[in-house]
Amino acid sequence: MRFGLAALVLLIAALAYGQSQLSIRDLGVTWSRGAASVSFSAKDLADERVRRELSSGLRKRMEVTVSAHLNGSDWRMGIRQFGCDVTRDLWEDGYLVRIGDQSERLKTLEQVLDRCLVVQGLFVGDPKSYELQKGRDIYFAVKAEFNPISKKQCTELIRPASGGDPVGPISVNIVRRRICKAERSIAFRGALLKVPE
């Protein structure tokens, strides 16, 4: 029991420390009827290699996750995630972008990156999430990923065919971290701000 509690305390401390080590960027935050909307750019996800892959003609995926956190805590008051599926249409000389069940055609890669990685007024959490935190310090964390692996895909990739575990739990943990990460990701957070009273 003591070991379990100590491990939990260490995990919470590690998560809070990890969030505090993120680089700080300017995020636009506005409040409407008790809920926060966030604006930012994550276009630096698209380095030269990512741009090349997006122009290959194969379907690629970019995901953006934004979460609201109490300062000094790993508790998320709200989270919002969306993904862009991007396919270069070699015949039409443009790009097909799907977000959820909506599709649109764009002419240039810059338009695609603006559509998928420049976020304007994204609501994160609902008013109830912030109601009890009025006057307290919070921040918003952003993670943008190129070709992320879903939890389901990750489980399927590392599950041994025989059902046994031939390499042991420590090795599986290391393998999971290597196999199950996105091809490229960036993470940052906004400065501290107070929830309006």
C-alpha atoms as a PDB file:
ATOM      1  CA  MET A   1       0.000   0.000   0.000  1.00  0.00           C
ATOM      2  CA  ARG A   2       2.793   2.434   0.917  1.00  0.00           C
ATOM      3  CA  PHE A   3       4.641   1.617  -2.299  1.00  0.00           C
ATOM      4  CA  GLY A   4       1.507   2.288  -4.376  1.00  0.00           C
ATOM      5  CA  LEU A   5       0.936   5.671  -2.717  1.00  0.00           C
ATOM      6  CA  ALA A   6       4.599   6.652  -3.148  1.00  0.00           C
ATOM      7  CA  ALA A   7       4.487   5.652  -6.821  1.00  0.00           C
ATOM      8  CA  LEU A   8       1.328   7.725  -7.333  1.00  0.00           C
ATOM      9  CA  VAL A   9       2.924  10.789  -5.696  1.00  0.00           C
ATOM     10  CA  LEU A  10       6.032  10.370  -7.879  1.00  0.00           C
ATOM     11  CA  LEU A  11       3.906  10.029 -11.017  1.00  0.00           C
ATOM     12  CA  ILE A  12       1.945  13.218 -10.232  1.00  0.00           C
ATOM     13  CA  ALA A  13       5.175  15.098  -9.478  1.00  0.00           C
ATOM     14  CA  ALA A  14       6.764  13.858 -12.717  1.00  0.00           C
ATOM     15  CA  LEU A  15       3.747  14.921 -14.789  1.00  0.00           C
ATOM     16  CA  ALA A  16       3.634  18.370 -13.181  1.00  0.00           C
ATOM     17  CA  TYR A  17       7.402  18.734 -13.686  1.00  0.00           C
ATOM     18  CA  GLY A  18       7.100  17.642 -17.329  1.00  0.00           C
ATOM     19  CA  GLN A  19       4.404  20.250 -18.001  1.00  0.00           C
ATOM     20  CA  SER A  20       6.462  22.958 -16.298  1.00  0.00           C
ATOM     21  CA  GLN A  21       9.428  22.207 -18.601  1.00  0.00           C
ATOM     22  CA  LEU A  22       7.477  22.947 -21.796  1.00  0.00           C
ATOM     23  CA  SER A  23       8.583  26.027 -23.701  1.00  0.00           C
ATOM     24  CA  ILE A  24       6.280  29.009 -23.193  1.00  0.00           C
ATOM     25  CA  ARG A  25       4.683  30.698 -26.198  1.00  0.00           C
ATOM     26  CA  ASP A  26       2.143  33.421 -26.722  1.00  0.00           C
ATOM     27  CA  LEU A  27      -1.350  31.972 -26.829  1.00  0.00           C
ATOM     28  CA  GLY A  28      -4.366  34.162 -27.352  1.00  0.00           C
ATOM     29  CA  VAL A  29      -7.008  33.371 -24.721  1.00  0.00           C
ATOM     30  CA  THR A  30     -10.451  34.951 -24.609  1.00  0.00           C
ATOM     31  CA  TRP A  31     -13.346  34.161 -22.309  1.00  0.00           C
ATOM     32  CA  SER A  32     -16.954  33.864 -23.391  1.00  0.00           C
ATOM     33  CA  ARG A  33     -19.755  32.936 -20.983  1.00  0.00           C
ATOM     34  CA  GLY A  34     -17.304  31.316 -18.584  1.00  0.00           C
ATOM     35  CA  ALA A  35     -15.430  29.188 -21.147  1.00  0.00           C
ATOM     36  CA  ALA A  36     -11.975  29.788 -22.630  1.00  0.00           C
ATOM     37  CA  SER A  37     -11.126  29.879 -26.318  1.00  0.00           C
ATOM     38  CA  VAL A  38      -7.512  29.609 -27.408  1.00  0.00           C
ATOM     39  CA  SER A  39      -5.654  30.823 -30.523  1.00  0.00           C
ATOM     40  CA  PHE A  40      -2.092  29.871 -31.547  1.00  0.00           C
ATOM     41  CA  SER A  41       0.121  28.562 -34.339  1.00  0.00           C
ATOM     42  CA  ALA A  42       1.828  25.162 -34.378  1.00  0.00           C
ATOM     43  CA  LYS A  43       3.127  25.485 -37.963  1.00  0.00           C
ATOM     44  CA  ASP A  44       6.669  24.703 -36.828  1.00  0.00           C
ATOM     45  CA  LEU A  45       5.519  21.071 -36.644  1.00  0.00           C
ATOM     46  CA  ALA A  46       5.898  21.105 -40.428  1.00  0.00           C
ATOM     47  CA  ASP A  47       9.650  20.914 -40.874  1.00  0.00           C
ATOM     48  CA  GLU A  48      11.177  20.122 -44.269  1.00  0.00           C
ATOM     49  CA  ARG A  49      10.614  16.356 -43.933  1.00  0.00           C
ATOM     50  CA  VAL A  50       6.968  16.748 -42.884  1.00  0.00           C
ATOM     51  CA  ARG A  51       6.335  19.125 -45.809  1.00  0.00           C
ATOM     52  CA  ARG A  52       7.902  16.630 -48.196  1.00  0.00           C
ATOM     53  CA  GLU A  53       5.738  13.795 -46.846  1.00  0.00           C
ATOM     54  CA  LEU A  54       2.568  15.899 -47.033  1.00  0.00           C
ATOM     55  CA  SER A  55       3.309  16.440 -50.731  1.00  0.00           C
ATOM     56  CA  SER A  56       3.908  12.735 -51.475  1.00  0.00           C
ATOM     57  CA  GLY A  57       0.375  11.829 -52.540  1.00  0.00           C
ATOM     58  CA  LEU A  58      -0.111   9.433 -49.597  1.00  0.00           C
ATOM     59  CA  ARG A  59      -2.612  10.244 -46.859  1.00  0.00           C
ATOM     60  CA  LYS A  60      -0.950  11.781 -43.801  1.00  0.00           C
ATOM     61  CA  ARG A  61      -2.397  12.895 -40.471  1.00  0.00           C
ATOM     62  CA  MET A  62      -1.738  15.830 -38.163  1.00  0.00           C
ATOM     63  CA  GLU A  63      -3.332  16.007 -34.704  1.00  0.00           C
ATOM     64  CA  VAL A  64      -3.530  18.901 -32.289  1.00  0.00           C
ATOM     65  CA  THR A  65      -4.409  18.496 -28.600  1.00  0.00           C
ATOM     66  CA  VAL A  66      -5.029  21.466 -26.312  1.00  0.00           C
ATOM     67  CA  SER A  67      -5.571  21.022 -22.578  1.00  0.00           C
ATOM     68  CA  ALA A  68      -6.247  23.384 -19.665  1.00  0.00           C
ATOM     69  CA  HIS A  69      -4.336  22.770 -16.412  1.00  0.00           C
ATOM     70  CA  LEU A  70      -4.316  24.189 -12.916  1.00  0.00           C
ATOM     71  CA  ASN A  71      -0.868  25.564 -12.103  1.00  0.00           C
ATOM     72  CA  GLY A  72       1.171  23.007 -10.114  1.00  0.00           C
ATOM     73  CA  SER A  73      -1.196  20.157 -10.934  1.00  0.00           C
ATOM     74  CA  ASP A  74      -1.547  17.544 -13.658  1.00  0.00           C
ATOM     75  CA  TRP A  75      -5.357  17.720 -13.458  1.00  0.00           C
ATOM     76  CA  ARG A  76      -6.873  18.734 -16.777  1.00  0.00           C
ATOM     77  CA  MET A  77      -9.885  21.010 -16.523  1.00  0.00           C
ATOM     78  CA  GLY A  78     -10.617  20.606 -20.180  1.00  0.00           C
ATOM     79  CA  ILE A  79      -9.217  19.033 -23.314  1.00  0.00           C
ATOM     80  CA  ARG A  80      -9.889  19.481 -27.014  1.00  0.00           C
ATOM     81  CA  GLN A  81      -8.409  17.468 -29.848  1.00  0.00           C
ATOM     82  CA  PHE A  82      -8.810  17.506 -33.606  1.00  0.00           C
ATOM     83  CA  GLY A  83      -7.071  15.873 -36.536  1.00  0.00           C
ATOM     84  CA  CYS A  84      -6.454  16.716 -40.175  1.00  0.00           C
ATOM     85  CA  ASP A  85      -6.115  13.999 -42.787  1.00  0.00           C
ATOM     86  CA  VAL A  86      -4.203  15.425 -45.746  1.00  0.00           C
ATOM     87  CA  THR A  87      -3.848  13.859 -49.199  1.00  0.00           C
ATOM     88  CA  ARG A  88      -2.033  15.484 -52.093  1.00  0.00           C
ATOM     89  CA  ASP A  89      -4.183  15.198 -55.187  1.00  0.00           C
ATOM     90  CA  LEU A  90      -1.588  14.785 -57.914  1.00  0.00           C
ATOM     91  CA  TRP A  91      -4.223  14.936 -60.696  1.00  0.00           C
ATOM     92  CA  GLU A  92      -5.876  18.146 -59.519  1.00  0.00           C
ATOM     93  CA  ASP A  93      -2.617  19.715 -58.289  1.00  0.00           C
ATOM     94  CA  GLY A  94      -3.959  20.493 -54.845  1.00  0.00           C
ATOM     95  CA  TYR A  95      -4.714  18.946 -51.460  1.00  0.00           C
ATOM     96  CA  LEU A  96      -7.752  17.233 -49.981  1.00  0.00           C
ATOM     97  CA  VAL A  97      -8.102  18.002 -46.244  1.00  0.00           C
ATOM     98  CA  ARG A  98     -10.522  16.128 -43.976  1.00  0.00           C
ATOM     99  CA  ILE A  99     -11.332  17.349 -40.486  1.00  0.00           C
ATOM    100  CA  GLY A 100     -13.902  15.091 -38.841  1.00  0.00           C
ATOM    101  CA  ASP A 101     -16.577  14.446 -41.469  1.00  0.00           C
ATOM    102  CA  GLN A 102     -15.877  17.685 -43.370  1.00  0.00           C
ATOM    103  CA  SER A 103     -13.686  17.797 -46.500  1.00  0.00           C
ATOM    104  CA  GLU A 104     -12.248  20.707 -48.424  1.00  0.00           C
ATOM    105  CA  ARG A 105      -9.851  21.213 -51.305  1.00  0.00           C
ATOM    106  CA  LEU A 106      -6.931  23.605 -50.950  1.00  0.00           C
ATOM    107  CA  LYS A 107      -4.451  24.668 -53.609  1.00  0.00           C
ATOM    108  CA  THR A 108      -1.198  25.049 -51.667  1.00  0.00           C
ATOM    109  CA  LEU A 109       0.637  23.374 -48.818  1.00  0.00           C
ATOM    110  CA  GLU A 110       0.739  26.717 -46.946  1.00  0.00           C
ATOM    111  CA  GLN A 111      -3.064  26.820 -47.037  1.00  0.00           C
ATOM    112  CA  VAL A 112      -3.136  23.275 -45.637  1.00  0.00           C
ATOM    113  CA  LEU A 113      -0.773  24.181 -42.783  1.00  0.00           C
ATOM    114  CA  ASP A 114      -2.790  27.319 -42.007  1.00  0.00           C
ATOM    115  CA  ARG A 115      -6.002  25.267 -41.943  1.00  0.00           C
ATOM    116  CA  CYS A 116      -4.619  22.452 -39.777  1.00  0.00           C
ATOM    117  CA  LEU A 117      -2.042  24.110 -37.521  1.00  0.00           C
ATOM    118  CA  VAL A 118      -3.123  27.744 -37.086  1.00  0.00           C
ATOM    119  CA  VAL A 119      -5.893  27.634 -34.509  1.00  0.00           C
ATOM    120  CA  GLN A 120      -8.316  30.521 -33.986  1.00  0.00           C
ATOM    121  CA  GLY A 121     -10.818  30.551 -31.128  1.00  0.00           C
ATOM    122  CA  LEU A 122     -10.805  26.859 -30.168  1.00  0.00           C
ATOM    123  CA  PHE A 123     -12.983  26.332 -27.067  1.00  0.00           C
ATOM    124  CA  VAL A 124     -11.263  24.131 -24.470  1.00  0.00           C
ATOM    125  CA  GLY A 125     -13.491  22.762 -21.701  1.00  0.00           C
ATOM    126  CA  ASP A 126     -16.896  24.032 -20.714  1.00  0.00           C
ATOM    127  CA  PRO A 127     -17.945  26.758 -18.246  1.00  0.00           C
ATOM    128  CA  LYS A 128     -18.448  24.176 -15.462  1.00  0.00           C
ATOM    129  CA  SER A 129     -14.752  23.225 -15.766  1.00  0.00           C
ATOM    130  CA  TYR A 130     -13.687  26.749 -14.828  1.00  0.00           C
ATOM    131  CA  GLU A 131     -16.484  27.703 -12.411  1.00  0.00           C
ATOM    132  CA  LEU A 132     -14.768  26.346  -9.285  1.00  0.00           C
ATOM    133  CA  GLN A 133     -11.344  27.672 -10.348  1.00  0.00           C
ATOM    134  CA  LYS A 134     -12.200  31.395 -10.502  1.00  0.00           C
ATOM    135  CA  GLY A 135      -9.217  33.540  -9.523  1.00  0.00           C
ATOM    136  CA  ARG A 136      -6.770  30.612  -9.719  1.00  0.00           C
ATOM    137  CA  ASP A 137      -3.742  30.346 -12.023  1.00  0.00           C
ATOM    138  CA  ILE A 138      -4.075  28.067 -15.033  1.00  0.00           C
ATOM    139  CA  TYR A 139      -2.253  27.471 -18.306  1.00  0.00           C
ATOM    140  CA  PHE A 140      -3.002  25.836 -21.635  1.00  0.00           C
ATOM    141  CA  ALA A 141      -0.711  23.117 -23.040  1.00  0.00           C
ATOM    142  CA  VAL A 142      -0.529  22.272 -26.757  1.00  0.00           C
ATOM    143  CA  LYS A 143       0.756  19.136 -28.439  1.00  0.00           C
ATOM    144  CA  ALA A 144       0.874  18.854 -32.232  1.00  0.00           C
ATOM    145  CA  GLU A 145       1.761  15.538 -33.868  1.00  0.00           C
ATOM    146  CA  PHE A 146       2.506  14.312 -37.365  1.00  0.00           C
ATOM    147  CA  ASN A 147       1.332  10.753 -38.105  1.00  0.00           C
ATOM    148  CA  PRO A 148       0.561   9.790 -34.497  1.00  0.00           C
ATOM    149  CA  ILE A 149      -0.104   6.157 -33.554  1.00  0.00           C
ATOM    150  CA  SER A 150      -3.457   5.540 -31.852  1.00  0.00           C
ATOM    151  CA  LYS A 151      -3.623   3.578 -28.581  1.00  0.00           C
ATOM    152  CA  LYS A 152      -5.367   0.732 -30.411  1.00  0.00           C
ATOM    153  CA  GLN A 153      -2.683   0.599 -33.112  1.00  0.00           C
ATOM    154  CA  CYS A 154       0.028   0.751 -30.453  1.00  0.00           C
ATOM    155  CA  THR A 155      -1.457  -2.212 -28.580  1.00  0.00           C
ATOM    156  CA  GLU A 156      -1.690  -4.212 -31.810  1.00  0.00           C
ATOM    157  CA  LEU A 157       1.900  -3.385 -32.769  1.00  0.00           C
ATOM    158  CA  ILE A 158       3.452  -4.574 -29.523  1.00  0.00           C
ATOM    159  CA  ARG A 159       1.181  -7.508 -28.720  1.00  0.00           C
ATOM    160  CA  PRO A 160       3.069 -10.779 -29.286  1.00  0.00           C
ATOM    161  CA  ALA A 161       1.360 -13.111 -31.755  1.00  0.00           C
ATOM    162  CA  SER A 162       1.447 -16.026 -29.266  1.00  0.00           C
ATOM    163  CA  GLY A 163      -0.242 -14.010 -26.517  1.00  0.00           C
ATOM    164  CA  GLY A 164       2.785 -14.379 -24.230  1.00  0.00           C
ATOM    165  CA  ASP A 165       5.273 -11.729 -23.254  1.00  0.00           C
ATOM    166  CA  PRO A 166       8.664 -12.974 -24.469  1.00  0.00           C
ATOM    167  CA  VAL A 167      10.620  -9.787 -23.741  1.00  0.00           C
ATOM    168  CA  GLY A 168       9.301  -8.837 -20.297  1.00  0.00           C
ATOM    169  CA  PRO A 169       7.442  -5.757 -19.056  1.00  0.00           C
ATOM    170  CA  ILE A 170      10.462  -3.434 -18.921  1.00  0.00           C
ATOM    171  CA  SER A 171      11.438  -4.174 -22.517  1.00  0.00           C
ATOM    172  CA  VAL A 172       7.828  -3.822 -23.661  1.00  0.00           C
ATOM    173  CA  ASN A 173       7.666  -0.403 -21.977  1.00  0.00           C
ATOM    174  CA  ILE A 174      10.788   0.771 -23.839  1.00  0.00           C
ATOM    175  CA  VAL A 175       9.533  -0.680 -27.128  1.00  0.00           C
ATOM    176  CA  ARG A 176       6.097   0.926 -26.600  1.00  0.00           C
ATOM    177  CA  ARG A 177       7.670   4.362 -26.154  1.00  0.00           C
ATOM    178  CA  ARG A 178       9.704   3.975 -29.362  1.00  0.00           C
ATOM    179  CA  ILE A 179       7.083   2.353 -31.588  1.00  0.00           C
ATOM    180  CA  CYS A 180       4.047   4.254 -30.367  1.00  0.00           C
ATOM    181  CA  LYS A 181       5.213   7.806 -30.830  1.00  0.00           C
ATOM    182  CA  ALA A 182       4.343  10.107 -33.682  1.00  0.00           C
ATOM    183  CA  GLU A 183       6.836  10.622 -36.509  1.00  0.00           C
ATOM    184  CA  ARG A 184       7.246  14.195 -35.276  1.00  0.00           C
ATOM    185  CA  SER A 185       5.706  16.151 -32.424  1.00  0.00           C
ATOM    186  CA  ILE A 186       6.045  19.507 -30.733  1.00  0.00           C
ATOM    187  CA  ALA A 187       4.693  20.612 -27.356  1.00  0.00           C
ATOM    188  CA  PHE A 188       4.462  23.984 -25.670  1.00  0.00           C
ATOM    189  CA  ARG A 189       2.361  25.892 -23.180  1.00  0.00           C
ATOM    190  CA  GLY A 190       1.036  29.377 -22.642  1.00  0.00           C
ATOM    191  CA  ALA A 191       1.925  31.684 -19.801  1.00  0.00           C
ATOM    192  CA  LEU A 192      -0.001  31.511 -16.532  1.00  0.00           C
ATOM    193  CA  LEU A 193      -3.271  33.383 -16.424  1.00  0.00           C
ATOM    194  CA  LYS A 194      -6.074  33.720 -13.907  1.00  0.00           C
ATOM    195  CA  VAL A 195      -9.558  32.361 -14.455  1.00  0.00           C
ATOM    196  CA  PRO A 196     -11.806  35.441 -14.453  1.00  0.00           C
ATOM    197  CA  GLU A 197     -13.897  35.993 -11.324  1.00  0.00           C
END
